[in-house]
Protein backbone atom coordinates (compact mmCIF):
# COMPACT_ATOMS: atom_id res chain seq x y z
CA MET A 1 -81.82 -147.30 67.40
CA ILE A 2 -81.43 -145.86 63.98
CA GLU A 3 -79.68 -142.36 63.61
CA VAL A 4 -80.73 -140.39 60.42
CA VAL A 5 -78.63 -137.58 59.04
CA ARG A 6 -79.60 -135.15 56.15
CA ILE A 7 -77.28 -134.51 53.42
CA PRO A 8 -78.24 -131.48 51.06
CA ALA A 9 -77.61 -132.13 47.48
CA LEU A 10 -78.05 -130.57 43.96
CA THR A 11 -80.71 -127.64 44.31
CA ASP A 12 -83.18 -128.99 46.78
CA ASN A 13 -82.61 -132.65 47.26
CA TYR A 14 -82.14 -134.35 50.52
CA ILE A 15 -80.05 -137.57 50.84
CA TRP A 16 -80.48 -139.58 53.95
CA LEU A 17 -77.79 -141.66 55.94
CA ALA A 18 -79.52 -144.31 58.16
CA HIS A 19 -76.87 -145.75 60.73
CA ASP A 20 -77.48 -148.57 63.23
CA GLY A 21 -75.10 -148.08 65.94
CA ALA A 22 -75.02 -151.64 67.39
CA SER A 23 -74.00 -153.20 64.10
CA GLY A 24 -72.12 -150.16 62.40
CA GLU A 25 -74.12 -150.59 59.32
CA THR A 26 -75.06 -147.42 57.38
CA ALA A 27 -77.72 -147.18 54.43
CA VAL A 28 -77.88 -144.30 52.04
CA ILE A 29 -81.40 -143.48 50.98
CA ASP A 30 -81.71 -141.92 47.26
CA PRO A 31 -78.28 -140.90 46.84
CA ALA A 32 -78.53 -137.94 44.25
CA GLU A 33 -74.79 -137.56 44.12
CA ALA A 34 -71.79 -139.42 45.56
CA GLU A 35 -69.17 -137.15 47.00
CA PRO A 36 -71.20 -135.55 49.79
CA VAL A 37 -72.38 -138.94 50.99
CA LEU A 38 -68.80 -140.38 51.04
CA ALA A 39 -67.64 -137.19 52.76
CA GLU A 40 -70.26 -137.33 55.48
CA ALA A 41 -69.79 -141.08 56.10
CA ALA A 42 -66.03 -140.60 56.30
CA ALA A 43 -66.41 -137.77 58.72
CA ARG A 44 -68.44 -139.89 61.00
CA ASN A 45 -66.46 -143.13 60.55
CA TRP A 46 -69.52 -144.79 59.30
CA ARG A 47 -69.45 -147.85 57.16
CA ILE A 48 -71.80 -147.74 54.13
CA SER A 49 -73.08 -151.25 53.62
CA GLN A 50 -76.18 -150.57 51.64
CA ILE A 51 -78.17 -148.07 49.32
CA TRP A 52 -81.71 -147.92 49.23
CA ASN A 53 -83.54 -146.35 46.05
CA THR A 54 -87.10 -145.51 46.15
CA HIS A 55 -87.37 -144.92 42.42
CA TRP A 56 -85.34 -144.74 39.38
CA HIS A 57 -85.01 -140.85 38.70
CA PRO A 58 -81.57 -139.58 38.09
CA ASP A 59 -81.63 -137.33 41.18
CA HIS A 60 -82.23 -140.54 43.45
CA ILE A 61 -79.69 -142.86 41.89
CA GLY A 62 -76.97 -140.51 40.54
CA GLY A 63 -74.67 -141.43 43.25
CA ASN A 64 -75.14 -145.27 43.11
CA ASP A 65 -72.24 -146.06 40.76
CA ARG A 66 -69.55 -144.07 42.69
CA ILE A 67 -70.71 -145.03 46.23
CA LYS A 68 -70.95 -148.67 45.19
CA ALA A 69 -67.54 -148.76 43.73
CA VAL A 70 -65.90 -147.04 46.72
CA THR A 71 -67.70 -149.10 49.44
CA GLY A 72 -68.85 -152.26 47.95
CA CYS A 73 -72.35 -151.78 49.21
CA ARG A 74 -75.40 -153.53 48.11
CA VAL A 75 -78.17 -151.58 46.13
CA THR A 76 -81.88 -152.34 46.97
CA GLY A 77 -84.61 -150.85 45.00
CA PRO A 78 -87.99 -151.34 43.31
CA ALA A 79 -88.42 -154.50 41.28
CA ALA A 80 -90.87 -152.83 38.86
CA GLU A 81 -88.03 -150.39 37.97
CA ALA A 82 -85.09 -152.88 37.90
CA GLY A 83 -84.44 -151.98 34.16
CA LYS A 84 -83.83 -148.34 34.95
CA ILE A 85 -81.49 -148.90 37.97
CA PRO A 86 -78.31 -150.43 36.29
CA THR A 87 -76.53 -150.91 39.89
CA LEU A 88 -79.54 -152.58 41.50
CA ASP A 89 -78.52 -155.85 43.39
CA ARG A 90 -81.80 -156.72 45.20
CA PRO A 91 -85.07 -155.99 43.63
CA VAL A 92 -87.79 -155.66 46.16
CA ALA A 93 -91.68 -155.44 46.11
CA GLU A 94 -94.55 -154.86 48.21
CA GLY A 95 -94.31 -156.59 51.69
CA ASP A 96 -90.39 -157.59 51.27
CA SER A 97 -88.33 -156.48 54.13
CA VAL A 98 -84.78 -155.18 54.15
CA SER A 99 -82.61 -155.30 57.30
CA LEU A 100 -80.33 -152.54 58.63
CA GLY A 101 -78.56 -154.06 61.61
CA GLY A 102 -81.26 -154.99 63.94
CA ALA A 103 -83.83 -152.85 62.27
CA GLU A 104 -86.28 -154.05 59.64
CA ALA A 105 -87.78 -152.00 56.75
CA ILE A 106 -90.99 -153.08 55.35
CA VAL A 107 -91.29 -152.21 51.40
CA MET A 108 -94.60 -150.44 50.57
CA GLU A 109 -95.31 -150.03 46.75
CA VAL A 110 -96.63 -146.34 46.25
CA PRO A 111 -96.80 -145.93 42.50
CA ALA A 112 -97.66 -142.86 40.70
CA HIS A 113 -94.85 -140.47 40.60
CA THR A 114 -93.15 -143.24 39.05
CA ALA A 115 -94.74 -146.65 37.96
CA GLY A 116 -92.64 -148.76 40.53
CA HIS A 117 -92.03 -146.19 43.38
CA ILE A 118 -91.50 -147.69 46.63
CA ALA A 119 -91.38 -146.53 50.40
CA PHE A 120 -89.18 -147.85 53.12
CA HIS A 121 -91.33 -148.16 56.52
CA LEU A 122 -89.35 -149.06 59.70
CA PRO A 123 -92.19 -149.57 62.10
CA THR A 124 -90.02 -150.40 65.22
CA GLU A 125 -88.13 -147.23 64.57
CA GLY A 126 -91.14 -145.02 63.77
CA LEU A 127 -89.88 -143.68 60.46
CA VAL A 128 -90.59 -143.92 56.89
CA PHE A 129 -88.45 -143.10 53.68
CA VAL A 130 -90.98 -141.98 51.16
CA GLY A 131 -88.86 -140.56 48.26
CA ASP A 132 -91.10 -138.29 46.11
CA THR A 133 -94.61 -139.69 47.01
CA LEU A 134 -95.30 -137.64 50.17
CA PHE A 135 -93.82 -134.20 50.94
CA ALA A 136 -94.35 -131.83 53.67
CA MET A 137 -97.63 -130.20 52.77
CA GLY A 138 -97.49 -131.83 49.22
CA CYS A 139 -97.05 -134.89 47.06
CA GLY A 140 -95.21 -135.94 44.03
CA ARG A 141 -96.30 -135.06 40.45
CA LEU A 142 -98.19 -137.90 38.65
CA PHE A 143 -95.48 -138.68 36.00
CA GLU A 144 -96.07 -142.30 35.28
CA GLY A 145 -99.42 -143.04 37.32
CA ASN A 146 -102.68 -141.50 38.28
CA ALA A 147 -104.66 -139.72 40.70
CA GLU A 148 -106.42 -142.83 41.94
CA GLN A 149 -103.14 -144.30 42.81
CA MET A 150 -101.64 -141.36 44.40
CA HIS A 151 -104.75 -140.63 46.66
CA ALA A 152 -104.58 -144.44 47.74
CA ASN A 153 -100.97 -144.00 48.66
CA LEU A 154 -101.57 -140.97 50.72
CA GLN A 155 -104.49 -142.57 52.52
CA ARG A 156 -102.32 -145.57 53.35
CA LEU A 157 -99.33 -143.50 54.65
CA ALA A 158 -101.99 -141.37 56.74
CA ALA A 159 -103.00 -144.69 58.46
CA LEU A 160 -99.37 -145.02 59.86
CA PRO A 161 -98.84 -144.18 63.41
CA PRO A 162 -99.34 -140.37 63.78
CA GLU A 163 -95.85 -140.01 65.47
CA THR A 164 -94.13 -141.67 62.53
CA LYS A 165 -91.36 -139.52 61.17
CA VAL A 166 -91.43 -138.72 57.32
CA TYR A 167 -88.27 -138.51 55.48
CA CYS A 168 -88.87 -137.30 51.96
CA ALA A 169 -86.28 -136.29 49.34
CA HIS A 170 -86.91 -132.57 48.59
CA GLU A 171 -87.07 -129.35 50.47
CA TYR A 172 -90.23 -128.22 48.71
CA THR A 173 -92.11 -127.19 52.09
CA LEU A 174 -92.27 -123.44 51.53
CA ALA A 175 -93.78 -123.55 48.00
CA ASN A 176 -96.21 -126.38 49.11
CA GLY A 177 -97.54 -124.42 52.08
CA ARG A 178 -98.24 -121.42 49.93
CA PHE A 179 -100.41 -123.71 47.88
CA ALA A 180 -102.03 -125.34 50.70
CA LEU A 181 -103.03 -122.00 52.04
CA THR A 182 -104.98 -121.27 48.90
CA VAL A 183 -106.84 -124.58 49.48
CA GLU A 184 -107.49 -124.31 53.17
CA PRO A 185 -106.96 -120.49 54.12
CA ASP A 186 -108.83 -121.06 57.26
CA ASN A 187 -106.86 -124.16 58.60
CA ASP A 188 -105.40 -122.77 61.84
CA ALA A 189 -102.84 -125.52 62.04
CA LEU A 190 -101.66 -124.73 58.60
CA VAL A 191 -101.35 -121.02 59.18
CA ARG A 192 -99.24 -121.67 62.21
CA ARG A 193 -97.08 -124.31 60.43
CA MET A 194 -96.47 -121.86 57.67
CA THR A 195 -95.37 -119.22 60.08
CA GLU A 196 -92.71 -121.80 61.39
CA VAL A 197 -91.66 -122.84 57.85
CA GLU A 198 -91.07 -119.24 56.76
CA LYS A 199 -88.80 -118.47 59.80
CA ALA A 200 -87.00 -121.81 59.23
CA ARG A 201 -86.32 -121.08 55.55
CA ARG A 202 -85.42 -117.46 56.19
CA ALA A 203 -82.62 -118.88 58.52
CA ASP A 204 -81.74 -121.50 55.85
CA GLN A 205 -82.80 -124.35 58.08
CA PRO A 206 -84.51 -127.53 57.01
CA THR A 207 -88.01 -128.35 57.48
CA ILE A 208 -87.79 -132.17 57.07
CA PRO A 209 -88.36 -134.53 58.64
CA THR A 210 -92.19 -133.92 59.06
CA THR A 211 -94.57 -136.33 60.79
CA ILE A 212 -97.67 -138.18 59.61
CA ALA A 213 -99.66 -136.12 62.35
CA LEU A 214 -98.57 -132.97 60.99
CA GLU A 215 -99.35 -134.08 57.29
CA ARG A 216 -102.83 -135.18 58.45
CA ALA A 217 -103.43 -131.78 59.78
CA THR A 218 -101.99 -129.63 57.10
CA ASN A 219 -101.41 -131.46 53.77
CA PRO A 220 -104.11 -130.79 51.38
CA PHE A 221 -103.41 -133.89 49.26
CA MET A 222 -103.66 -136.07 52.33
CA ARG A 223 -106.76 -134.27 53.31
CA ALA A 224 -108.38 -134.64 50.09
CA SER A 225 -111.78 -136.46 50.70
CA SER A 226 -111.97 -138.17 47.34
CA VAL A 227 -109.97 -139.14 44.25
CA THR A 228 -111.77 -136.26 42.48
CA GLU A 229 -110.76 -133.76 45.00
CA PHE A 230 -107.25 -135.02 45.04
CA ALA A 231 -107.06 -134.78 41.26
CA GLU A 232 -108.46 -131.26 41.25
CA ARG A 233 -105.94 -130.04 43.72
CA ARG A 234 -102.98 -131.90 42.11
CA THR A 235 -103.93 -130.21 38.77
CA ALA A 236 -104.09 -126.79 40.51
CA LYS A 237 -100.80 -127.34 42.11
CA ASP A 238 -99.25 -128.22 38.71
CA GLY A 239 -100.09 -124.79 37.49
CA PHE A 240 -99.49 -123.05 40.57
CA ARG A 241 -96.96 -120.14 40.52
CA GLY A 242 -97.41 -118.50 44.07
């Protein structure tokens, strides 16, 4: 059984610790910075053996150097972005697997936010680390890819079991939900969710993880019926200031 712990970092990043109690192994997913990670692991007496990077952006690999130097851990990340992740030890691609104790993460290539972006899906644990591809009621900007790619990514993620827990790397839910309401103001599930999100954020509580079922019901990008509709929504969100 994998235990996942959230570590807030920078302005709105989340770093994740995934811990396998049986083996004592701990993986750090997308460490924006090192010190909060090292402190949390020390407080829990957890041994960091791995770092998993979903993509090369500095707010996802910024802690790699320091964590690796302190712990001697192994860094796994996208093969297609190996040249942009200097600390990378193991480049992985679609269909590769990464073990954490007795659990296995399957690598999914989900390019668009960056050209080589990957996700780590742990089917036996019912969870997926998606980096900046899928957010609660949102998706990543198309910095290095296109709408067709991202639409395909979201449809692929939507096909995972509905109870799958989704761990993304930013607390963007409130802003995403405000945009979602402009797209589907009559979506009752969305209206109910936003009431809960607003309450949580007023109390400075996190809104992540989400689930595939919740995103199917309320995420305007996952719910887009075509690439064209997705692209229109992504363009509108890029200019949204609500």
